[in-house]
Amino acid sequence: MRAPPASRRSRATAIGATAFLILALPFLVLGVFFLGQKARLDLRCEPRAACVLTSSSWLSHDEVGRYEPQDIRRVDVARSRSTRSGAAPIFRPRLETTSGAQPLAYQWTEDESEAAAFADTVQRYLSGPRTEALHVFRDDRRASLRVGGAFTGVGLAVLALCLWLAARTVAHRRAERTVHPPP
């Protein structure tokens, strides 16, 4: 395959740089999307104070709700209701409040005892005298880090290639101007 004529090299590398920029953008957007999934849930309860439920991602941290002790009805385990035949049941602890149910885990688990143990810990604290602080969390951010990191890494690598092609375009244009000066 022949190289393009010297007068067209800058155009070819400019088209290549643009194509790689267009290719890098979806990877970067999806990488930020996956890294932004709020997959860590923290429940902090102070003695004689409100319980605070927060959700965190690798990029941000938000308060989901602040619940007074009288606003919390119970903590239980939600079970999926899959309509597929032969689907394994999955479970997730949740906090039932006067304003609705709030999940205490981002991902569902197949192990009911794991979800029940988490729910029992919170329920025992809420039904007890509440003389000490409680801080429980469920961190499911590892999967989003792998996927988001992979997408972001590929996007940055393609963006680096795009920048290299842009630098080559500038060098080719300078070379073209010295060979064919403007009239």
N, C-alpha and C. Protein backbone atom coordinates (compact mmCIF):
# COMPACT_ATOMS: atom_id res chain seq x y z
N MET A 1 0.85 -1.17 0.00
CA MET A 1 0.00 0.00 0.00
C MET A 1 0.89 1.24 0.00
N ARG A 2 0.57 2.17 -0.84
CA ARG A 2 1.38 3.37 -0.97
C ARG A 2 0.98 4.43 0.05
N ALA A 3 1.95 5.20 0.45
CA ALA A 3 1.68 6.33 1.34
C ALA A 3 1.01 7.43 0.53
N PRO A 4 0.15 8.23 1.14
CA PRO A 4 -0.48 9.32 0.40
C PRO A 4 0.57 10.33 -0.02
N PRO A 5 0.31 11.07 -1.08
CA PRO A 5 1.27 12.10 -1.51
C PRO A 5 1.52 13.08 -0.37
N ALA A 6 2.68 13.71 -0.41
CA ALA A 6 3.07 14.62 0.66
C ALA A 6 2.06 15.74 0.86
N SER A 7 1.38 16.15 -0.20
CA SER A 7 0.42 17.24 -0.08
C SER A 7 -0.86 16.80 0.63
N ARG A 8 -1.06 15.50 0.81
CA ARG A 8 -2.28 15.02 1.44
C ARG A 8 -2.06 14.35 2.79
N ARG A 9 -0.84 14.28 3.25
CA ARG A 9 -0.58 13.61 4.53
C ARG A 9 -1.28 14.32 5.69
N SER A 10 -1.28 15.63 5.69
CA SER A 10 -1.92 16.35 6.79
C SER A 10 -3.42 16.08 6.81
N ARG A 11 -4.00 15.98 5.64
CA ARG A 11 -5.44 15.71 5.58
C ARG A 11 -5.75 14.30 6.09
N ALA A 12 -4.94 13.32 5.71
CA ALA A 12 -5.16 11.93 6.16
C ALA A 12 -5.00 11.81 7.67
N THR A 13 -3.98 12.44 8.23
CA THR A 13 -3.80 12.34 9.68
C THR A 13 -4.87 13.13 10.42
N ALA A 14 -5.36 14.23 9.85
CA ALA A 14 -6.45 14.98 10.48
C ALA A 14 -7.73 14.14 10.51
N ILE A 15 -8.00 13.44 9.43
CA ILE A 15 -9.18 12.55 9.40
C ILE A 15 -9.01 11.43 10.42
N GLY A 16 -7.81 10.86 10.51
CA GLY A 16 -7.55 9.81 11.49
C GLY A 16 -7.70 10.32 12.92
N ALA A 17 -7.20 11.52 13.20
CA ALA A 17 -7.32 12.10 14.55
C ALA A 17 -8.79 12.32 14.90
N THR A 18 -9.57 12.80 13.95
CA THR A 18 -11.00 13.01 14.19
C THR A 18 -11.71 11.69 14.43
N ALA A 19 -11.37 10.68 13.65
CA ALA A 19 -12.00 9.36 13.82
C ALA A 19 -11.68 8.78 15.20
N PHE A 20 -10.43 8.89 15.63
CA PHE A 20 -10.07 8.35 16.94
C PHE A 20 -10.69 9.16 18.07
N LEU A 21 -10.89 10.45 17.88
CA LEU A 21 -11.58 11.25 18.89
C LEU A 21 -13.03 10.79 19.03
N ILE A 22 -13.67 10.56 17.89
CA ILE A 22 -15.05 10.06 17.91
C ILE A 22 -15.11 8.68 18.56
N LEU A 23 -14.10 7.86 18.35
CA LEU A 23 -14.04 6.53 18.96
C LEU A 23 -13.79 6.62 20.46
N ALA A 24 -13.00 7.57 20.91
CA ALA A 24 -12.65 7.68 22.34
C ALA A 24 -13.81 8.18 23.18
N LEU A 25 -14.65 9.04 22.64
CA LEU A 25 -15.71 9.66 23.43
C LEU A 25 -16.67 8.67 24.07
N PRO A 26 -17.21 7.66 23.37
CA PRO A 26 -18.10 6.71 24.05
C PRO A 26 -17.41 5.95 25.18
N PHE A 27 -16.15 5.60 24.99
CA PHE A 27 -15.43 4.89 26.05
C PHE A 27 -15.28 5.78 27.29
N LEU A 28 -14.97 7.04 27.09
CA LEU A 28 -14.81 7.95 28.22
C LEU A 28 -16.14 8.20 28.92
N VAL A 29 -17.21 8.37 28.15
CA VAL A 29 -18.53 8.60 28.75
C VAL A 29 -18.98 7.37 29.54
N LEU A 30 -18.83 6.18 28.96
CA LEU A 30 -19.23 4.97 29.68
C LEU A 30 -18.34 4.72 30.90
N GLY A 31 -17.06 5.04 30.79
CA GLY A 31 -16.17 4.88 31.94
C GLY A 31 -16.61 5.73 33.11
N VAL A 32 -16.94 6.99 32.84
CA VAL A 32 -17.42 7.88 33.91
C VAL A 32 -18.76 7.40 34.43
N PHE A 33 -19.62 6.89 33.54
CA PHE A 33 -20.92 6.37 33.97
C PHE A 33 -20.75 5.21 34.96
N PHE A 34 -19.89 4.24 34.63
CA PHE A 34 -19.70 3.10 35.51
C PHE A 34 -19.00 3.50 36.81
N LEU A 35 -18.03 4.39 36.74
CA LEU A 35 -17.36 4.84 37.96
C LEU A 35 -18.29 5.67 38.84
N GLY A 36 -19.34 6.22 38.26
CA GLY A 36 -20.29 7.03 39.00
C GLY A 36 -21.45 6.27 39.60
N GLN A 37 -21.48 4.95 39.46
CA GLN A 37 -22.57 4.17 40.05
C GLN A 37 -22.45 4.17 41.57
N LYS A 38 -23.51 4.55 42.23
CA LYS A 38 -23.51 4.66 43.69
C LYS A 38 -23.73 3.29 44.31
N ALA A 39 -22.66 2.51 44.37
CA ALA A 39 -22.75 1.11 44.77
C ALA A 39 -22.32 0.86 46.22
N ARG A 40 -22.01 1.89 46.97
CA ARG A 40 -21.71 1.72 48.40
C ARG A 40 -22.80 2.44 49.18
N LEU A 41 -23.44 1.71 50.09
CA LEU A 41 -24.48 2.28 50.93
C LEU A 41 -24.03 2.21 52.38
N ASP A 42 -24.08 3.35 53.07
CA ASP A 42 -23.69 3.45 54.48
C ASP A 42 -24.90 3.86 55.30
N LEU A 43 -25.08 3.20 56.44
CA LEU A 43 -26.11 3.59 57.39
C LEU A 43 -25.40 3.94 58.69
N ARG A 44 -25.53 5.20 59.11
CA ARG A 44 -24.91 5.67 60.36
C ARG A 44 -26.03 6.11 61.30
N CYS A 45 -26.02 5.54 62.49
CA CYS A 45 -26.99 5.92 63.51
C CYS A 45 -26.22 6.34 64.76
N GLU A 46 -26.53 7.52 65.24
CA GLU A 46 -25.94 8.02 66.48
C GLU A 46 -26.95 7.85 67.60
N PRO A 47 -26.49 7.71 68.84
CA PRO A 47 -27.42 7.57 69.96
C PRO A 47 -28.35 8.78 70.06
N ARG A 48 -29.62 8.53 70.20
CA ARG A 48 -30.65 9.55 70.34
C ARG A 48 -30.58 10.61 69.22
N ALA A 49 -30.30 10.14 68.01
CA ALA A 49 -30.24 11.05 66.85
C ALA A 49 -30.77 10.31 65.63
N ALA A 50 -30.88 11.03 64.54
CA ALA A 50 -31.40 10.44 63.31
C ALA A 50 -30.37 9.50 62.68
N CYS A 51 -30.88 8.51 61.95
CA CYS A 51 -30.02 7.62 61.16
C CYS A 51 -29.87 8.24 59.77
N VAL A 52 -28.66 8.20 59.24
CA VAL A 52 -28.37 8.80 57.94
C VAL A 52 -27.95 7.70 56.98
N LEU A 53 -28.65 7.60 55.86
CA LEU A 53 -28.33 6.64 54.81
C LEU A 53 -27.67 7.40 53.67
N THR A 54 -26.44 7.00 53.30
CA THR A 54 -25.71 7.66 52.23
C THR A 54 -25.31 6.65 51.17
N SER A 55 -25.17 7.13 49.95
CA SER A 55 -24.69 6.28 48.86
C SER A 55 -23.46 6.94 48.26
N SER A 56 -22.49 6.11 47.87
CA SER A 56 -21.21 6.62 47.36
C SER A 56 -20.83 5.87 46.10
N SER A 57 -20.14 6.59 45.24
CA SER A 57 -19.50 5.99 44.08
C SER A 57 -18.02 6.32 44.18
N TRP A 58 -17.26 5.97 43.16
CA TRP A 58 -15.85 6.34 43.15
C TRP A 58 -15.69 7.82 42.90
N LEU A 59 -16.74 8.49 42.40
CA LEU A 59 -16.63 9.89 42.03
C LEU A 59 -17.43 10.84 42.91
N SER A 60 -18.44 10.34 43.63
CA SER A 60 -19.29 11.24 44.41
C SER A 60 -19.86 10.54 45.64
N HIS A 61 -20.51 11.35 46.49
CA HIS A 61 -21.05 10.87 47.75
C HIS A 61 -22.33 11.68 48.02
N ASP A 62 -23.48 11.01 48.19
CA ASP A 62 -24.75 11.70 48.39
C ASP A 62 -25.50 11.12 49.58
N GLU A 63 -26.26 11.97 50.24
CA GLU A 63 -27.13 11.53 51.32
C GLU A 63 -28.46 11.09 50.70
N VAL A 64 -28.86 9.85 50.99
CA VAL A 64 -30.13 9.32 50.47
C VAL A 64 -31.28 9.79 51.34
N GLY A 65 -31.09 9.70 52.65
CA GLY A 65 -32.15 10.11 53.56
C GLY A 65 -31.66 10.20 54.99
N ARG A 66 -32.44 10.95 55.78
CA ARG A 66 -32.17 11.10 57.21
C ARG A 66 -33.47 10.68 57.90
N TYR A 67 -33.38 9.67 58.75
CA TYR A 67 -34.57 9.07 59.33
C TYR A 67 -34.51 9.11 60.85
N GLU A 68 -35.53 9.69 61.45
CA GLU A 68 -35.66 9.68 62.91
C GLU A 68 -36.05 8.27 63.34
N PRO A 69 -35.77 7.90 64.58
CA PRO A 69 -36.09 6.53 65.04
C PRO A 69 -37.57 6.17 64.86
N GLN A 70 -38.46 7.12 65.07
CA GLN A 70 -39.89 6.81 64.93
C GLN A 70 -40.31 6.67 63.47
N ASP A 71 -39.48 7.13 62.51
CA ASP A 71 -39.79 7.01 61.08
C ASP A 71 -39.40 5.65 60.51
N ILE A 72 -38.59 4.89 61.23
CA ILE A 72 -38.14 3.58 60.74
C ILE A 72 -39.10 2.52 61.25
N ARG A 73 -39.74 1.83 60.32
CA ARG A 73 -40.70 0.79 60.71
C ARG A 73 -40.00 -0.52 61.00
N ARG A 74 -39.15 -0.96 60.07
CA ARG A 74 -38.44 -2.24 60.26
C ARG A 74 -37.34 -2.37 59.22
N VAL A 75 -36.51 -3.37 59.43
CA VAL A 75 -35.48 -3.74 58.46
C VAL A 75 -35.76 -5.19 58.09
N ASP A 76 -35.89 -5.46 56.80
CA ASP A 76 -36.18 -6.83 56.37
C ASP A 76 -35.36 -7.17 55.14
N VAL A 77 -35.61 -8.35 54.61
CA VAL A 77 -34.90 -8.83 53.43
C VAL A 77 -35.89 -8.90 52.27
N ALA A 78 -35.58 -8.17 51.21
CA ALA A 78 -36.41 -8.21 50.01
C ALA A 78 -35.98 -9.40 49.16
N ARG A 79 -36.97 -10.07 48.59
CA ARG A 79 -36.71 -11.23 47.73
C ARG A 79 -37.19 -10.89 46.34
N SER A 80 -36.39 -11.25 45.33
CA SER A 80 -36.79 -10.94 43.96
C SER A 80 -37.97 -11.81 43.56
N ARG A 81 -38.74 -11.29 42.66
CA ARG A 81 -39.90 -12.03 42.15
C ARG A 81 -39.72 -12.22 40.65
N SER A 82 -38.76 -13.03 40.29
CA SER A 82 -38.46 -13.25 38.88
C SER A 82 -39.56 -14.10 38.26
N THR A 83 -39.96 -13.73 37.05
CA THR A 83 -40.99 -14.49 36.35
C THR A 83 -40.39 -15.57 35.47
N ARG A 84 -39.07 -15.61 35.37
CA ARG A 84 -38.42 -16.63 34.55
C ARG A 84 -38.48 -17.97 35.27
N SER A 85 -38.70 -19.01 34.51
CA SER A 85 -38.74 -20.34 35.12
C SER A 85 -37.33 -20.78 35.46
N GLY A 86 -37.17 -21.36 36.63
CA GLY A 86 -35.87 -21.86 37.06
C GLY A 86 -34.92 -20.79 37.54
N ALA A 87 -35.38 -19.55 37.70
CA ALA A 87 -34.51 -18.47 38.16
C ALA A 87 -34.24 -18.63 39.65
N ALA A 88 -32.99 -18.49 40.03
CA ALA A 88 -32.62 -18.59 41.44
C ALA A 88 -33.10 -17.34 42.17
N PRO A 89 -33.62 -17.50 43.38
CA PRO A 89 -34.05 -16.31 44.12
C PRO A 89 -32.84 -15.49 44.56
N ILE A 90 -33.03 -14.19 44.59
CA ILE A 90 -31.96 -13.30 45.04
C ILE A 90 -32.53 -12.38 46.12
N PHE A 91 -31.63 -11.89 46.99
CA PHE A 91 -32.06 -11.19 48.19
C PHE A 91 -31.27 -9.90 48.38
N ARG A 92 -31.90 -8.95 49.10
CA ARG A 92 -31.25 -7.69 49.41
C ARG A 92 -31.88 -7.10 50.67
N PRO A 93 -31.07 -6.67 51.65
CA PRO A 93 -31.65 -6.04 52.84
C PRO A 93 -32.22 -4.67 52.48
N ARG A 94 -33.30 -4.30 53.17
CA ARG A 94 -33.89 -2.99 52.92
C ARG A 94 -34.43 -2.39 54.21
N LEU A 95 -34.49 -1.09 54.22
CA LEU A 95 -34.96 -0.32 55.37
C LEU A 95 -36.36 0.19 55.04
N GLU A 96 -37.33 -0.22 55.82
CA GLU A 96 -38.72 0.19 55.60
C GLU A 96 -38.99 1.42 56.48
N THR A 97 -39.30 2.55 55.84
CA THR A 97 -39.54 3.79 56.57
C THR A 97 -40.94 4.32 56.25
N THR A 98 -41.31 5.39 56.93
CA THR A 98 -42.62 5.99 56.66
C THR A 98 -42.67 6.61 55.27
N SER A 99 -41.52 6.94 54.71
CA SER A 99 -41.49 7.52 53.37
C SER A 99 -41.23 6.48 52.27
N GLY A 100 -41.20 5.20 52.63
CA GLY A 100 -41.00 4.14 51.64
C GLY A 100 -39.81 3.26 51.98
N ALA A 101 -39.59 2.27 51.13
CA ALA A 101 -38.50 1.31 51.36
C ALA A 101 -37.22 1.83 50.70
N GLN A 102 -36.11 1.67 51.41
CA GLN A 102 -34.80 2.05 50.90
C GLN A 102 -33.89 0.82 50.93
N PRO A 103 -33.27 0.45 49.82
CA PRO A 103 -32.36 -0.69 49.85
C PRO A 103 -31.11 -0.36 50.67
N LEU A 104 -30.60 -1.37 51.37
CA LEU A 104 -29.36 -1.22 52.14
C LEU A 104 -28.18 -1.85 51.42
N ALA A 105 -28.41 -2.33 50.19
CA ALA A 105 -27.34 -2.89 49.37
C ALA A 105 -27.65 -2.55 47.91
N TYR A 106 -26.60 -2.28 47.14
CA TYR A 106 -26.78 -1.93 45.73
C TYR A 106 -27.08 -3.18 44.90
N GLN A 107 -26.32 -4.24 45.14
CA GLN A 107 -26.49 -5.47 44.37
C GLN A 107 -27.27 -6.50 45.17
N TRP A 108 -28.00 -7.31 44.46
CA TRP A 108 -28.70 -8.43 45.07
C TRP A 108 -27.71 -9.56 45.28
N THR A 109 -27.99 -10.43 46.25
CA THR A 109 -27.13 -11.57 46.53
C THR A 109 -27.94 -12.86 46.49
N GLU A 110 -27.30 -13.95 46.15
CA GLU A 110 -27.98 -15.24 46.14
C GLU A 110 -28.00 -15.88 47.52
N ASP A 111 -27.20 -15.36 48.44
CA ASP A 111 -27.09 -15.91 49.78
C ASP A 111 -28.06 -15.18 50.72
N GLU A 112 -29.16 -15.84 51.06
CA GLU A 112 -30.16 -15.22 51.92
C GLU A 112 -29.61 -14.95 53.31
N SER A 113 -28.75 -15.84 53.81
CA SER A 113 -28.22 -15.66 55.16
C SER A 113 -27.35 -14.41 55.25
N GLU A 114 -26.64 -14.08 54.19
CA GLU A 114 -25.82 -12.86 54.18
C GLU A 114 -26.69 -11.62 54.28
N ALA A 115 -27.75 -11.58 53.49
CA ALA A 115 -28.67 -10.43 53.53
C ALA A 115 -29.41 -10.38 54.86
N ALA A 116 -29.80 -11.54 55.38
CA ALA A 116 -30.51 -11.58 56.66
C ALA A 116 -29.62 -11.15 57.82
N ALA A 117 -28.36 -11.54 57.80
CA ALA A 117 -27.43 -11.14 58.87
C ALA A 117 -27.26 -9.63 58.89
N PHE A 118 -27.15 -9.02 57.73
CA PHE A 118 -27.02 -7.57 57.65
C PHE A 118 -28.28 -6.90 58.20
N ALA A 119 -29.44 -7.39 57.78
CA ALA A 119 -30.71 -6.82 58.25
C ALA A 119 -30.88 -7.03 59.75
N ASP A 120 -30.49 -8.20 60.27
CA ASP A 120 -30.62 -8.47 61.71
C ASP A 120 -29.75 -7.55 62.54
N THR A 121 -28.55 -7.25 62.06
CA THR A 121 -27.65 -6.34 62.79
C THR A 121 -28.31 -4.97 62.96
N VAL A 122 -28.88 -4.46 61.90
CA VAL A 122 -29.52 -3.15 61.96
C VAL A 122 -30.79 -3.22 62.80
N GLN A 123 -31.58 -4.27 62.64
CA GLN A 123 -32.82 -4.40 63.40
C GLN A 123 -32.56 -4.51 64.90
N ARG A 124 -31.53 -5.27 65.29
CA ARG A 124 -31.18 -5.40 66.72
C ARG A 124 -30.80 -4.04 67.29
N TYR A 125 -30.04 -3.27 66.55
CA TYR A 125 -29.66 -1.94 67.03
C TYR A 125 -30.88 -1.05 67.19
N LEU A 126 -31.76 -1.05 66.19
CA LEU A 126 -32.93 -0.17 66.24
C LEU A 126 -33.91 -0.55 67.34
N SER A 127 -34.00 -1.84 67.65
CA SER A 127 -34.93 -2.28 68.69
C SER A 127 -34.31 -2.22 70.09
N GLY A 128 -33.02 -1.97 70.18
CA GLY A 128 -32.33 -1.90 71.47
C GLY A 128 -32.37 -0.51 72.07
N PRO A 129 -31.58 -0.30 73.11
CA PRO A 129 -31.58 1.00 73.80
C PRO A 129 -30.88 2.13 73.03
N ARG A 130 -30.11 1.83 72.01
CA ARG A 130 -29.42 2.81 71.17
C ARG A 130 -28.51 3.73 71.99
N THR A 131 -27.66 3.11 72.81
CA THR A 131 -26.73 3.89 73.62
C THR A 131 -25.38 4.08 72.93
N GLU A 132 -25.12 3.31 71.89
CA GLU A 132 -23.87 3.43 71.14
C GLU A 132 -24.18 3.75 69.68
N ALA A 133 -23.17 4.18 68.96
CA ALA A 133 -23.34 4.49 67.54
C ALA A 133 -23.30 3.20 66.71
N LEU A 134 -23.95 3.24 65.57
CA LEU A 134 -23.94 2.11 64.63
C LEU A 134 -23.49 2.64 63.27
N HIS A 135 -22.56 1.94 62.66
CA HIS A 135 -22.14 2.26 61.30
C HIS A 135 -22.01 0.94 60.55
N VAL A 136 -22.91 0.69 59.62
CA VAL A 136 -22.84 -0.50 58.77
C VAL A 136 -22.83 -0.03 57.33
N PHE A 137 -22.17 -0.81 56.49
CA PHE A 137 -22.11 -0.45 55.08
C PHE A 137 -22.04 -1.71 54.24
N ARG A 138 -22.41 -1.54 52.99
CA ARG A 138 -22.29 -2.59 51.99
C ARG A 138 -21.63 -1.96 50.78
N ASP A 139 -20.45 -2.44 50.44
CA ASP A 139 -19.66 -1.85 49.36
C ASP A 139 -19.63 -2.79 48.16
N ASP A 140 -20.35 -2.44 47.11
CA ASP A 140 -20.39 -3.22 45.87
C ASP A 140 -19.74 -2.45 44.72
N ARG A 141 -18.78 -1.58 45.03
CA ARG A 141 -18.16 -0.75 44.00
C ARG A 141 -17.07 -1.45 43.21
N ARG A 142 -16.63 -2.63 43.65
CA ARG A 142 -15.50 -3.29 42.99
C ARG A 142 -15.81 -3.60 41.52
N ALA A 143 -17.01 -4.09 41.24
CA ALA A 143 -17.36 -4.41 39.85
C ALA A 143 -17.40 -3.15 38.99
N SER A 144 -17.94 -2.07 39.53
CA SER A 144 -17.99 -0.83 38.74
C SER A 144 -16.60 -0.25 38.54
N LEU A 145 -15.67 -0.51 39.47
CA LEU A 145 -14.29 -0.05 39.28
C LEU A 145 -13.62 -0.81 38.14
N ARG A 146 -13.84 -2.12 38.09
CA ARG A 146 -13.23 -2.91 37.01
C ARG A 146 -13.75 -2.47 35.65
N VAL A 147 -15.05 -2.40 35.52
CA VAL A 147 -15.64 -2.06 34.22
C VAL A 147 -15.38 -0.59 33.87
N GLY A 148 -15.63 0.30 34.82
CA GLY A 148 -15.40 1.72 34.57
C GLY A 148 -13.94 2.04 34.33
N GLY A 149 -13.05 1.37 35.07
CA GLY A 149 -11.62 1.57 34.86
C GLY A 149 -11.18 1.08 33.50
N ALA A 150 -11.73 -0.06 33.07
CA ALA A 150 -11.37 -0.59 31.75
C ALA A 150 -11.84 0.35 30.64
N PHE A 151 -13.09 0.81 30.73
CA PHE A 151 -13.59 1.74 29.71
C PHE A 151 -12.79 3.04 29.71
N THR A 152 -12.52 3.57 30.88
CA THR A 152 -11.77 4.82 30.97
C THR A 152 -10.35 4.63 30.44
N GLY A 153 -9.71 3.51 30.78
CA GLY A 153 -8.36 3.23 30.29
C GLY A 153 -8.29 3.14 28.78
N VAL A 154 -9.24 2.42 28.19
CA VAL A 154 -9.27 2.31 26.72
C VAL A 154 -9.55 3.69 26.11
N GLY A 155 -10.48 4.43 26.71
CA GLY A 155 -10.78 5.77 26.20
C GLY A 155 -9.58 6.69 26.25
N LEU A 156 -8.82 6.64 27.35
CA LEU A 156 -7.62 7.48 27.45
C LEU A 156 -6.54 7.05 26.48
N ALA A 157 -6.40 5.73 26.26
CA ALA A 157 -5.41 5.25 25.29
C ALA A 157 -5.76 5.71 23.88
N VAL A 158 -7.04 5.60 23.53
CA VAL A 158 -7.47 6.05 22.19
C VAL A 158 -7.34 7.57 22.08
N LEU A 159 -7.62 8.28 23.16
CA LEU A 159 -7.45 9.74 23.16
C LEU A 159 -5.98 10.11 22.99
N ALA A 160 -5.08 9.36 23.62
CA ALA A 160 -3.64 9.61 23.45
C ALA A 160 -3.23 9.40 21.99
N LEU A 161 -3.76 8.35 21.37
CA LEU A 161 -3.48 8.11 19.96
C LEU A 161 -4.02 9.26 19.10
N CYS A 162 -5.19 9.75 19.47
CA CYS A 162 -5.78 10.90 18.76
C CYS A 162 -4.88 12.12 18.88
N LEU A 163 -4.37 12.38 20.07
CA LEU A 163 -3.48 13.54 20.25
C LEU A 163 -2.18 13.37 19.48
N TRP A 164 -1.67 12.15 19.43
CA TRP A 164 -0.46 11.90 18.65
C TRP A 164 -0.72 12.18 17.17
N LEU A 165 -1.86 11.71 16.67
CA LEU A 165 -2.21 11.97 15.27
C LEU A 165 -2.41 13.47 15.02
N ALA A 166 -2.97 14.18 15.99
CA ALA A 166 -3.13 15.63 15.83
C ALA A 166 -1.76 16.32 15.76
N ALA A 167 -0.82 15.85 16.57
CA ALA A 167 0.54 16.42 16.51
C ALA A 167 1.19 16.12 15.17
N ARG A 168 0.98 14.91 14.66
CA ARG A 168 1.52 14.56 13.33
C ARG A 168 0.87 15.43 12.25
N THR A 169 -0.42 15.73 12.39
CA THR A 169 -1.11 16.59 11.43
C THR A 169 -0.46 17.97 11.38
N VAL A 170 -0.18 18.52 12.55
CA VAL A 170 0.46 19.84 12.61
C VAL A 170 1.83 19.78 11.96
N ALA A 171 2.60 18.74 12.24
CA ALA A 171 3.93 18.60 11.64
C ALA A 171 3.84 18.46 10.13
N HIS A 172 2.86 17.70 9.64
CA HIS A 172 2.70 17.54 8.19
C HIS A 172 2.29 18.86 7.54
N ARG A 173 1.42 19.62 8.20
CA ARG A 173 1.01 20.92 7.63
C ARG A 173 2.18 21.88 7.55
N ARG A 174 3.03 21.88 8.57
CA ARG A 174 4.22 22.74 8.53
C ARG A 174 5.13 22.33 7.37
N ALA A 175 5.29 21.02 7.20
CA ALA A 175 6.14 20.53 6.10
C ALA A 175 5.53 20.90 4.75
N GLU A 176 4.22 20.83 4.62
CA GLU A 176 3.56 21.20 3.36
C GLU A 176 3.71 22.68 3.07
N ARG A 177 3.68 23.51 4.10
CA ARG A 177 3.81 24.96 3.89
C ARG A 177 5.23 25.32 3.44
N THR A 178 6.22 24.59 3.94
CA THR A 178 7.60 24.90 3.52
C THR A 178 7.86 24.44 2.10
N VAL A 179 7.21 23.35 1.68
CA VAL A 179 7.39 22.84 0.31
C VAL A 179 6.60 23.70 -0.67
N HIS A 180 5.36 24.04 -0.33
CA HIS A 180 4.50 24.84 -1.20
C HIS A 180 4.12 26.11 -0.44
N PRO A 181 4.93 27.17 -0.49
CA PRO A 181 4.59 28.40 0.23
C PRO A 181 3.33 29.03 -0.36
N PRO A 182 2.53 29.70 0.48
CA PRO A 182 1.31 30.35 -0.04
C PRO A 182 1.67 31.49 -0.98
N PRO A 183 0.82 31.74 -1.99
CA PRO A 183 1.14 32.79 -2.99
C PRO A 183 1.05 34.18 -2.43
